PDB file of N, CA and C in Angstrom:
ATOM      1  N   MET A   1       0.858  -1.188   0.000  1.00  0.00           N
ATOM      2  CA  MET A   1       0.000   0.000   0.000  1.00  0.00           C
ATOM      3  C   MET A   1       0.889   1.231   0.000  1.00  0.00           C
ATOM      4  N   TRP A   2       0.522   2.227  -0.762  1.00  0.00           N
ATOM      5  CA  TRP A   2       1.265   3.477  -0.811  1.00  0.00           C
ATOM      6  C   TRP A   2       0.294   4.634  -0.691  1.00  0.00           C
ATOM      7  N   ILE A   3       0.828   5.769  -0.315  1.00  0.00           N
ATOM      8  CA  ILE A   3       0.005   6.971  -0.165  1.00  0.00           C
ATOM      9  C   ILE A   3       0.716   8.154  -0.821  1.00  0.00           C
ATOM     10  N   PRO A   4      -0.055   9.122  -1.323  1.00  0.00           N
ATOM     11  CA  PRO A   4       0.573  10.315  -1.887  1.00  0.00           C
ATOM     12  C   PRO A   4       1.014  11.252  -0.757  1.00  0.00           C
ATOM     13  N   VAL A   5       2.200  11.813  -0.922  1.00  0.00           N
ATOM     14  CA  VAL A   5       2.752  12.729   0.072  1.00  0.00           C
ATOM     15  C   VAL A   5       3.271  13.965  -0.652  1.00  0.00           C
ATOM     16  N   VAL A   6       2.954  15.137  -0.114  1.00  0.00           N
ATOM     17  CA  VAL A   6       3.376  16.403  -0.731  1.00  0.00           C
ATOM     18  C   VAL A   6       4.618  16.930  -0.025  1.00  0.00           C
ATOM     19  N   ASP A   7       5.645  17.243  -0.818  1.00  0.00           N
ATOM     20  CA  ASP A   7       6.821  17.927  -0.297  1.00  0.00           C
ATOM     21  C   ASP A   7       6.498  19.418  -0.408  1.00  0.00           C
ATOM     22  N   ARG A   8       6.180  20.036   0.709  1.00  0.00           N
ATOM     23  CA  ARG A   8       5.719  21.429   0.710  1.00  0.00           C
ATOM     24  C   ARG A   8       6.800  22.403   0.238  1.00  0.00           C
ATOM     25  N   MET A   9       8.048  22.031   0.323  1.00  0.00           N
ATOM     26  CA  MET A   9       9.124  22.909  -0.147  1.00  0.00           C
ATOM     27  C   MET A   9       9.163  22.942  -1.685  1.00  0.00           C
ATOM     28  N   MET A  10       8.781  21.838  -2.326  1.00  0.00           N
ATOM     29  CA  MET A  10       8.831  21.754  -3.784  1.00  0.00           C
ATOM     30  C   MET A  10       7.513  22.158  -4.445  1.00  0.00           C
ATOM     31  N   CYS A  11       6.414  22.097  -3.719  1.00  0.00           N
ATOM     32  CA  CYS A  11       5.095  22.384  -4.279  1.00  0.00           C
ATOM     33  C   CYS A  11       4.977  23.867  -4.636  1.00  0.00           C
ATOM     34  N   VAL A  12       4.503  24.130  -5.867  1.00  0.00           N
ATOM     35  CA  VAL A  12       4.328  25.510  -6.314  1.00  0.00           C
ATOM     36  C   VAL A  12       2.856  25.930  -6.279  1.00  0.00           C
ATOM     37  N   GLY A  13       1.980  25.024  -5.868  1.00  0.00           N
ATOM     38  CA  GLY A  13       0.559  25.351  -5.736  1.00  0.00           C
ATOM     39  C   GLY A  13      -0.167  25.519  -7.048  1.00  0.00           C
ATOM     40  N   CYS A  14       0.253  24.824  -8.102  1.00  0.00           N
ATOM     41  CA  CYS A  14      -0.375  24.976  -9.418  1.00  0.00           C
ATOM     42  C   CYS A  14      -1.802  24.416  -9.455  1.00  0.00           C
ATOM     43  N   GLY A  15      -2.102  23.443  -8.605  1.00  0.00           N
ATOM     44  CA  GLY A  15      -3.448  22.885  -8.532  1.00  0.00           C
ATOM     45  C   GLY A  15      -3.741  21.768  -9.510  1.00  0.00           C
ATOM     46  N   LYS A  16      -2.765  21.365 -10.304  1.00  0.00           N
ATOM     47  CA  LYS A  16      -3.000  20.293 -11.278  1.00  0.00           C
ATOM     48  C   LYS A  16      -3.357  18.978 -10.586  1.00  0.00           C
ATOM     49  N   CYS A  17      -2.757  18.718  -9.436  1.00  0.00           N
ATOM     50  CA  CYS A  17      -3.062  17.491  -8.697  1.00  0.00           C
ATOM     51  C   CYS A  17      -4.507  17.521  -8.190  1.00  0.00           C
ATOM     52  N   ALA A  18      -4.959  18.679  -7.739  1.00  0.00           N
ATOM     53  CA  ALA A  18      -6.336  18.820  -7.248  1.00  0.00           C
ATOM     54  C   ALA A  18      -7.327  18.611  -8.388  1.00  0.00           C
ATOM     55  N   GLU A  19      -6.997  19.120  -9.560  1.00  0.00           N
ATOM     56  CA  GLU A  19      -7.867  18.939 -10.735  1.00  0.00           C
ATOM     57  C   GLU A  19      -7.930  17.473 -11.155  1.00  0.00           C
ATOM     58  N   ALA A  20      -6.815  16.765 -11.031  1.00  0.00           N
ATOM     59  CA  ALA A  20      -6.741  15.377 -11.476  1.00  0.00           C
ATOM     60  C   ALA A  20      -7.343  14.395 -10.471  1.00  0.00           C
ATOM     61  N   CYS A  21      -7.492  14.807  -9.240  1.00  0.00           N
ATOM     62  CA  CYS A  21      -7.960  13.895  -8.188  1.00  0.00           C
ATOM     63  C   CYS A  21      -9.450  13.564  -8.368  1.00  0.00           C
ATOM     64  N   PRO A  22      -9.784  12.296  -8.653  1.00  0.00           N
ATOM     65  CA  PRO A  22     -11.184  11.930  -8.852  1.00  0.00           C
ATOM     66  C   PRO A  22     -11.991  11.902  -7.553  1.00  0.00           C
ATOM     67  N   ASP A  23     -11.302  11.932  -6.420  1.00  0.00           N
ATOM     68  CA  ASP A  23     -11.973  11.855  -5.116  1.00  0.00           C
ATOM     69  C   ASP A  23     -12.112  13.202  -4.431  1.00  0.00           C
ATOM     70  N   ALA A  24     -11.666  14.269  -5.082  1.00  0.00           N
ATOM     71  CA  ALA A  24     -11.678  15.614  -4.503  1.00  0.00           C
ATOM     72  C   ALA A  24     -10.991  15.622  -3.136  1.00  0.00           C
ATOM     73  N   ALA A  25      -9.880  14.898  -3.064  1.00  0.00           N
ATOM     74  CA  ALA A  25      -9.152  14.774  -1.802  1.00  0.00           C
ATOM     75  C   ALA A  25      -8.003  15.773  -1.683  1.00  0.00           C
ATOM     76  N   ILE A  26      -7.763  16.540  -2.733  1.00  0.00           N
ATOM     77  CA  ILE A  26      -6.649  17.488  -2.718  1.00  0.00           C
ATOM     78  C   ILE A  26      -7.178  18.900  -2.915  1.00  0.00           C
ATOM     79  N   ALA A  27      -6.673  19.804  -2.105  1.00  0.00           N
ATOM     80  CA  ALA A  27      -7.004  21.224  -2.225  1.00  0.00           C
ATOM     81  C   ALA A  27      -5.715  22.015  -2.111  1.00  0.00           C
ATOM     82  N   VAL A  28      -5.679  23.178  -2.735  1.00  0.00           N
ATOM     83  CA  VAL A  28      -4.525  24.061  -2.597  1.00  0.00           C
ATOM     84  C   VAL A  28      -4.848  25.021  -1.457  1.00  0.00           C
ATOM     85  N   VAL A  29      -4.046  24.929  -0.403  1.00  0.00           N
ATOM     86  CA  VAL A  29      -4.238  25.750   0.789  1.00  0.00           C
ATOM     87  C   VAL A  29      -2.953  26.533   1.028  1.00  0.00           C
ATOM     88  N   GLU A  30      -3.064  27.841   1.095  1.00  0.00           N
ATOM     89  CA  GLU A  30      -1.897  28.713   1.278  1.00  0.00           C
ATOM     90  C   GLU A  30      -0.819  28.424   0.243  1.00  0.00           C
ATOM     91  N   LYS A  31      -1.256  28.257  -1.013  1.00  0.00           N
ATOM     92  CA  LYS A  31      -0.382  28.050  -2.162  1.00  0.00           C
ATOM     93  C   LYS A  31       0.399  26.742  -2.124  1.00  0.00           C
ATOM     94  N   LYS A  32      -0.139  25.735  -1.393  1.00  0.00           N
ATOM     95  CA  LYS A  32       0.493  24.412  -1.329  1.00  0.00           C
ATOM     96  C   LYS A  32      -0.598  23.348  -1.392  1.00  0.00           C
ATOM     97  N   ALA A  33      -0.315  22.229  -2.048  1.00  0.00           N
ATOM     98  CA  ALA A  33      -1.279  21.131  -2.122  1.00  0.00           C
ATOM     99  C   ALA A  33      -1.426  20.498  -0.745  1.00  0.00           C
ATOM    100  N   SER A  34      -2.664  20.199  -0.406  1.00  0.00           N
ATOM    101  CA  SER A  34      -2.971  19.575   0.876  1.00  0.00           C
ATOM    102  C   SER A  34      -3.903  18.388   0.615  1.00  0.00           C
ATOM    103  N   ILE A  35      -3.560  17.221   1.165  1.00  0.00           N
ATOM    104  CA  ILE A  35      -4.320  16.000   0.902  1.00  0.00           C
ATOM    105  C   ILE A  35      -5.180  15.637   2.102  1.00  0.00           C
ATOM    106  N   ASP A  36      -6.464  15.383   1.845  1.00  0.00           N
ATOM    107  CA  ASP A  36      -7.382  14.893   2.869  1.00  0.00           C
ATOM    108  C   ASP A  36      -7.370  13.369   2.765  1.00  0.00           C
ATOM    109  N   TYR A  37      -6.641  12.719   3.666  1.00  0.00           N
ATOM    110  CA  TYR A  37      -6.479  11.270   3.596  1.00  0.00           C
ATOM    111  C   TYR A  37      -7.764  10.517   3.939  1.00  0.00           C
ATOM    112  N   ASN A  38      -8.755  11.202   4.471  1.00  0.00           N
ATOM    113  CA  ASN A  38     -10.048  10.561   4.708  1.00  0.00           C
ATOM    114  C   ASN A  38     -10.805  10.355   3.403  1.00  0.00           C
ATOM    115  N   LYS A  39     -10.493  11.173   2.394  1.00  0.00           N
ATOM    116  CA  LYS A  39     -11.148  11.057   1.090  1.00  0.00           C
ATOM    117  C   LYS A  39     -10.284  10.300   0.077  1.00  0.00           C
ATOM    118  N   CYS A  40      -8.984  10.354   0.246  1.00  0.00           N
ATOM    119  CA  CYS A  40      -8.038   9.789  -0.717  1.00  0.00           C
ATOM    120  C   CYS A  40      -8.166   8.267  -0.824  1.00  0.00           C
ATOM    121  N   THR A  41      -8.238   7.776  -2.074  1.00  0.00           N
ATOM    122  CA  THR A  41      -8.277   6.333  -2.308  1.00  0.00           C
ATOM    123  C   THR A  41      -6.945   5.814  -2.845  1.00  0.00           C
ATOM    124  N   CYS A  42      -5.932   6.657  -2.839  1.00  0.00           N
ATOM    125  CA  CYS A  42      -4.570   6.286  -3.256  1.00  0.00           C
ATOM    126  C   CYS A  42      -4.526   5.764  -4.690  1.00  0.00           C
ATOM    127  N   CYS A  43      -5.252   6.429  -5.584  1.00  0.00           N
ATOM    128  CA  CYS A  43      -5.319   5.983  -6.984  1.00  0.00           C
ATOM    129  C   CYS A  43      -4.059   6.344  -7.772  1.00  0.00           C
ATOM    130  N   GLY A  44      -3.339   7.385  -7.353  1.00  0.00           N
ATOM    131  CA  GLY A  44      -2.109   7.783  -8.030  1.00  0.00           C
ATOM    132  C   GLY A  44      -2.294   8.784  -9.150  1.00  0.00           C
ATOM    133  N   ALA A  45      -3.505   9.248  -9.372  1.00  0.00           N
ATOM    134  CA  ALA A  45      -3.741  10.225 -10.450  1.00  0.00           C
ATOM    135  C   ALA A  45      -2.952  11.508 -10.206  1.00  0.00           C
ATOM    136  N   CYS A  46      -2.835  11.921  -8.982  1.00  0.00           N
ATOM    137  CA  CYS A  46      -2.130  13.158  -8.642  1.00  0.00           C
ATOM    138  C   CYS A  46      -0.639  13.060  -8.937  1.00  0.00           C
ATOM    139  N   ASP A  47      -0.062  11.942  -8.662  1.00  0.00           N
ATOM    140  CA  ASP A  47       1.368  11.727  -8.872  1.00  0.00           C
ATOM    141  C   ASP A  47       1.735  11.865 -10.347  1.00  0.00           C
ATOM    142  N   ARG A  48       0.858  11.432 -11.205  1.00  0.00           N
ATOM    143  CA  ARG A  48       1.142  11.447 -12.640  1.00  0.00           C
ATOM    144  C   ARG A  48       1.126  12.852 -13.248  1.00  0.00           C
ATOM    145  N   VAL A  49       0.447  13.807 -12.606  1.00  0.00           N
ATOM    146  CA  VAL A  49       0.350  15.148 -13.200  1.00  0.00           C
ATOM    147  C   VAL A  49       1.266  16.179 -12.543  1.00  0.00           C
ATOM    148  N   CYS A  50       1.887  15.830 -11.430  1.00  0.00           N
ATOM    149  CA  CYS A  50       2.748  16.792 -10.726  1.00  0.00           C
ATOM    150  C   CYS A  50       4.039  17.005 -11.516  1.00  0.00           C
ATOM    151  N   GLN A  51       4.193  18.205 -12.078  1.00  0.00           N
ATOM    152  CA  GLN A  51       5.354  18.507 -12.903  1.00  0.00           C
ATOM    153  C   GLN A  51       6.603  18.825 -12.085  1.00  0.00           C
ATOM    154  N   THR A  52       6.421  19.255 -10.844  1.00  0.00           N
ATOM    155  CA  THR A  52       7.584  19.608 -10.018  1.00  0.00           C
ATOM    156  C   THR A  52       8.068  18.434  -9.175  1.00  0.00           C
ATOM    157  N   LYS A  53       7.367  17.311  -9.256  1.00  0.00           N
ATOM    158  CA  LYS A  53       7.679  16.108  -8.469  1.00  0.00           C
ATOM    159  C   LYS A  53       7.587  16.372  -6.971  1.00  0.00           C
ATOM    160  N   ALA A  54       6.736  17.336  -6.619  1.00  0.00           N
ATOM    161  CA  ALA A  54       6.508  17.636  -5.200  1.00  0.00           C
ATOM    162  C   ALA A  54       5.571  16.611  -4.577  1.00  0.00           C
ATOM    163  N   LEU A  55       4.791  15.954  -5.410  1.00  0.00           N
ATOM    164  CA  LEU A  55       3.845  14.961  -4.929  1.00  0.00           C
ATOM    165  C   LEU A  55       4.354  13.587  -5.362  1.00  0.00           C
ATOM    166  N   VAL A  56       4.685  12.763  -4.378  1.00  0.00           N
ATOM    167  CA  VAL A  56       5.213  11.430  -4.668  1.00  0.00           C
ATOM    168  C   VAL A  56       4.419  10.385  -3.893  1.00  0.00           C
ATOM    169  N   LEU A  57       4.483   9.159  -4.379  1.00  0.00           N
ATOM    170  CA  LEU A  57       3.815   8.055  -3.706  1.00  0.00           C
ATOM    171  C   LEU A  57       4.826   7.354  -2.812  1.00  0.00           C
ATOM    172  N   LYS A  58       4.460   7.174  -1.556  1.00  0.00           N
ATOM    173  CA  LYS A  58       5.366   6.542  -0.593  1.00  0.00           C
ATOM    174  C   LYS A  58       4.669   5.380   0.087  1.00  0.00           C
ATOM    175  N   THR A  59       5.459   4.412   0.493  1.00  0.00           N
ATOM    176  CA  THR A  59       4.941   3.287   1.258  1.00  0.00           C
ATOM    177  C   THR A  59       5.167   3.604   2.730  1.00  0.00           C
ATOM    178  N   PRO A  60       4.077   3.746   3.489  1.00  0.00           N
ATOM    179  CA  PRO A  60       4.239   4.088   4.909  1.00  0.00           C
ATOM    180  C   PRO A  60       4.853   2.913   5.680  1.00  0.00           C
ATOM    181  N   GLN A  61       5.676   3.241   6.638  1.00  0.00           N
ATOM    182  CA  GLN A  61       6.312   2.237   7.483  1.00  0.00           C
ATOM    183  C   GLN A  61       5.634   2.216   8.849  1.00  0.00           C
ATOM    184  N   MET A  62       5.355   1.037   9.339  1.00  0.00           N
ATOM    185  CA  MET A  62       4.753   0.904  10.661  1.00  0.00           C
ATOM    186  C   MET A  62       5.800   1.241  11.724  1.00  0.00           C
ATOM    187  N   PRO A  63       5.395   1.980  12.764  1.00  0.00           N
ATOM    188  CA  PRO A  63       6.331   2.230  13.862  1.00  0.00           C
ATOM    189  C   PRO A  63       6.743   0.896  14.493  1.00  0.00           C
ATOM    190  N   PRO A  64       7.997   0.787  14.942  1.00  0.00           N
ATOM    191  CA  PRO A  64       8.480  -0.480  15.506  1.00  0.00           C
ATOM    192  C   PRO A  64       7.582  -1.041  16.614  1.00  0.00           C
ATOM    193  N   VAL A  65       7.011  -0.167  17.432  1.00  0.00           N
ATOM    194  CA  VAL A  65       6.186  -0.654  18.536  1.00  0.00           C
ATOM    195  C   VAL A  65       4.941  -1.369  18.018  1.00  0.00           C
ATOM    196  N   LEU A  66       4.400  -0.931  16.872  1.00  0.00           N
ATOM    197  CA  LEU A  66       3.216  -1.572  16.314  1.00  0.00           C
ATOM    198  C   LEU A  66       3.547  -2.873  15.600  1.00  0.00           C
ATOM    199  N   LYS A  67       4.775  -2.999  15.098  1.00  0.00           N
ATOM    200  CA  LYS A  67       5.177  -4.237  14.447  1.00  0.00           C
ATOM    201  C   LYS A  67       5.150  -5.393  15.441  1.00  0.00           C
ATOM    202  N   LYS A  68       5.479  -5.096  16.693  1.00  0.00           N
ATOM    203  CA  LYS A  68       5.492  -6.128  17.730  1.00  0.00           C
ATOM    204  C   LYS A  68       4.085  -6.466  18.181  1.00  0.00           C
ATOM    205  N   GLY A  69       3.161  -5.549  17.979  1.00  0.00           N
ATOM    206  CA  GLY A  69       1.801  -5.747  18.448  1.00  0.00           C
ATOM    207  C   GLY A  69       1.584  -5.006  19.755  1.00  0.00           C
ATOM    208  N   VAL A  70       0.351  -4.734  20.056  1.00  0.00           N
ATOM    209  CA  VAL A  70       0.006  -4.027  21.284  1.00  0.00           C
ATOM    210  C   VAL A  70      -0.589  -5.034  22.254  1.00  0.00           C
ATOM    211  N   PRO A  71      -0.013  -5.165  23.443  1.00  0.00           N
ATOM    212  CA  PRO A  71      -0.579  -6.099  24.422  1.00  0.00           C
ATOM    213  C   PRO A  71      -1.989  -5.656  24.811  1.00  0.00           C
ATOM    214  N   LEU A  72      -2.946  -6.569  24.720  1.00  0.00           N
ATOM    215  CA  LEU A  72      -4.333  -6.211  24.995  1.00  0.00           C
ATOM    216  C   LEU A  72      -4.540  -5.710  26.412  1.00  0.00           C
ATOM    217  N   GLY A  73      -3.833  -6.279  27.372  1.00  0.00           N
ATOM    218  CA  GLY A  73      -3.976  -5.829  28.758  1.00  0.00           C
ATOM    219  C   GLY A  73      -3.634  -4.360  28.901  1.00  0.00           C
ATOM    220  N   THR A  74      -2.539  -3.941  28.298  1.00  0.00           N
ATOM    221  CA  THR A  74      -2.114  -2.545  28.342  1.00  0.00           C
ATOM    222  C   THR A  74      -3.105  -1.659  27.601  1.00  0.00           C
ATOM    223  N   LEU A  75      -3.567  -2.122  26.456  1.00  0.00           N
ATOM    224  CA  LEU A  75      -4.508  -1.347  25.656  1.00  0.00           C
ATOM    225  C   LEU A  75      -5.811  -1.127  26.416  1.00  0.00           C
ATOM    226  N   LYS A  76      -6.302  -2.158  27.076  1.00  0.00           N
ATOM    227  CA  LYS A  76      -7.547  -2.042  27.841  1.00  0.00           C
ATOM    228  C   LYS A  76      -7.404  -1.010  28.952  1.00  0.00           C
ATOM    229  N   VAL A  77      -6.281  -1.014  29.633  1.00  0.00           N
ATOM    230  CA  VAL A  77      -6.041  -0.054  30.719  1.00  0.00           C
ATOM    231  C   VAL A  77      -5.988   1.366  30.156  1.00  0.00           C
ATOM    232  N   GLU A  78      -5.289   1.551  29.034  1.00  0.00           N
ATOM    233  CA  GLU A  78      -5.185   2.876  28.427  1.00  0.00           C
ATOM    234  C   GLU A  78      -6.550   3.390  27.981  1.00  0.00           C
ATOM    235  N   VAL A  79      -7.378   2.530  27.418  1.00  0.00           N
ATOM    236  CA  VAL A  79      -8.720   2.932  26.992  1.00  0.00           C
ATOM    237  C   VAL A  79      -9.556   3.321  28.204  1.00  0.00           C
ATOM    238  N   LYS A  80      -9.438   2.570  29.273  1.00  0.00           N
ATOM    239  CA  LYS A  80     -10.179   2.879  30.501  1.00  0.00           C
ATOM    240  C   LYS A  80      -9.798   4.255  31.034  1.00  0.00           C
ATOM    241  N   ILE A  81      -8.504   4.542  31.049  1.00  0.00           N
ATOM    242  CA  ILE A  81      -8.003   5.834  31.533  1.00  0.00           C
ATOM    243  C   ILE A  81      -8.536   6.962  30.647  1.00  0.00           C
ATOM    244  N   LEU A  82      -8.502   6.762  29.333  1.00  0.00           N
ATOM    245  CA  LEU A  82      -9.004   7.785  28.418  1.00  0.00           C
ATOM    246  C   LEU A  82     -10.497   8.034  28.618  1.00  0.00           C
ATOM    247  N   LYS A  83     -11.264   6.974  28.846  1.00  0.00           N
ATOM    248  CA  LYS A  83     -12.699   7.134  29.096  1.00  0.00           C
ATOM    249  C   LYS A  83     -12.955   7.920  30.379  1.00  0.00           C
ATOM    250  N   LEU A  84     -12.176   7.641  31.416  1.00  0.00           N
ATOM    251  CA  LEU A  84     -12.330   8.374  32.673  1.00  0.00           C
ATOM    252  C   LEU A  84     -11.996   9.850  32.491  1.00  0.00           C
ATOM    253  N   GLU A  85     -10.928  10.127  31.748  1.00  0.00           N
ATOM    254  CA  GLU A  85     -10.545  11.513  31.494  1.00  0.00           C
ATOM    255  C   GLU A  85     -11.616  12.237  30.685  1.00  0.00           C
ATOM    256  N   LEU A  86     -12.215  11.539  29.725  1.00  0.00           N
ATOM    257  CA  LEU A  86     -13.273  12.136  28.916  1.00  0.00           C
ATOM    258  C   LEU A  86     -14.493  12.467  29.775  1.00  0.00           C
ATOM    259  N   ARG A  87     -14.871  11.558  30.654  1.00  0.00           N
ATOM    260  CA  ARG A  87     -15.996  11.821  31.557  1.00  0.00           C
ATOM    261  C   ARG A  87     -15.715  13.026  32.448  1.00  0.00           C
ATOM    262  N   LYS A  88     -14.476  13.113  32.915  1.00  0.00           N
ATOM    263  CA  LYS A  88     -14.096  14.239  33.787  1.00  0.00           C
ATOM    264  C   LYS A  88     -14.201  15.555  33.004  1.00  0.00           C
ATOM    265  N   MET A  89     -13.735  15.552  31.766  1.00  0.00           N
ATOM    266  CA  MET A  89     -13.802  16.754  30.936  1.00  0.00           C
ATOM    267  C   MET A  89     -15.244  17.150  30.654  1.00  0.00           C
ATOM    268  N   LYS A  90     -16.101  16.154  30.373  1.00  0.00           N
ATOM    269  CA  LYS A  90     -17.521  16.442  30.131  1.00  0.00           C
ATOM    270  C   LYS A  90     -18.162  17.050  31.364  1.00  0.00           C
ATOM    271  N   GLY A  91     -17.825  16.516  32.543  1.00  0.00           N
ATOM    272  CA  GLY A  91     -18.363  17.053  33.788  1.00  0.00           C
ATOM    273  C   GLY A  91     -17.950  18.486  34.018  1.00  0.00           C
ATOM    274  N   GLU A  92     -16.683  18.782  33.724  1.00  0.00           N
ATOM    275  CA  GLU A  92     -16.179  20.145  33.884  1.00  0.00           C
ATOM    276  C   GLU A  92     -16.886  21.109  32.930  1.00  0.00           C
ATOM    277  N   LEU A  93     -17.165  20.643  31.707  1.00  0.00           N
ATOM    278  CA  LEU A  93     -17.868  21.483  30.747  1.00  0.00           C
ATOM    279  C   LEU A  93     -19.301  21.773  31.179  1.00  0.00           C
ATOM    280  N   LYS A  94     -19.956  20.791  31.771  1.00  0.00           N
ATOM    281  CA  LYS A  94     -21.329  20.988  32.244  1.00  0.00           C
ATOM    282  C   LYS A  94     -21.378  21.989  33.380  1.00  0.00           C
ATOM    283  N   ARG A  95     -20.370  21.958  34.239  1.00  0.00           N
ATOM    284  CA  ARG A  95     -20.330  22.874  35.382  1.00  0.00           C
ATOM    285  C   ARG A  95     -19.991  24.307  34.974  1.00  0.00           C
ATOM    286  N   ALA A  96     -19.310  24.448  33.847  1.00  0.00           N
ATOM    287  CA  ALA A  96     -18.859  25.787  33.405  1.00  0.00           C
ATOM    288  C   ALA A  96     -19.987  26.625  32.866  1.00  0.00           C
TER     289      ALA A  96
END
């Protein structure tokens, strides 16, 4: 699996990648291409039209900790803590 990545230093903001994107996942923001990965289907259409080679396809690497797997016991505890913190924040918002 690969994903498109924009090198913001090389991007000139021409918008050709945004025009070519069939998923409307690319927009030019502050004169630089910006990719919405929630919309992107990684089709590669953008890579083919980028004349400055600012937009390239890369294979993401998993962080070493995820390659080993996450122990379920630890994950369950972390989720519990996050839920408690969320409840506390909601309570504080109601009181405010």
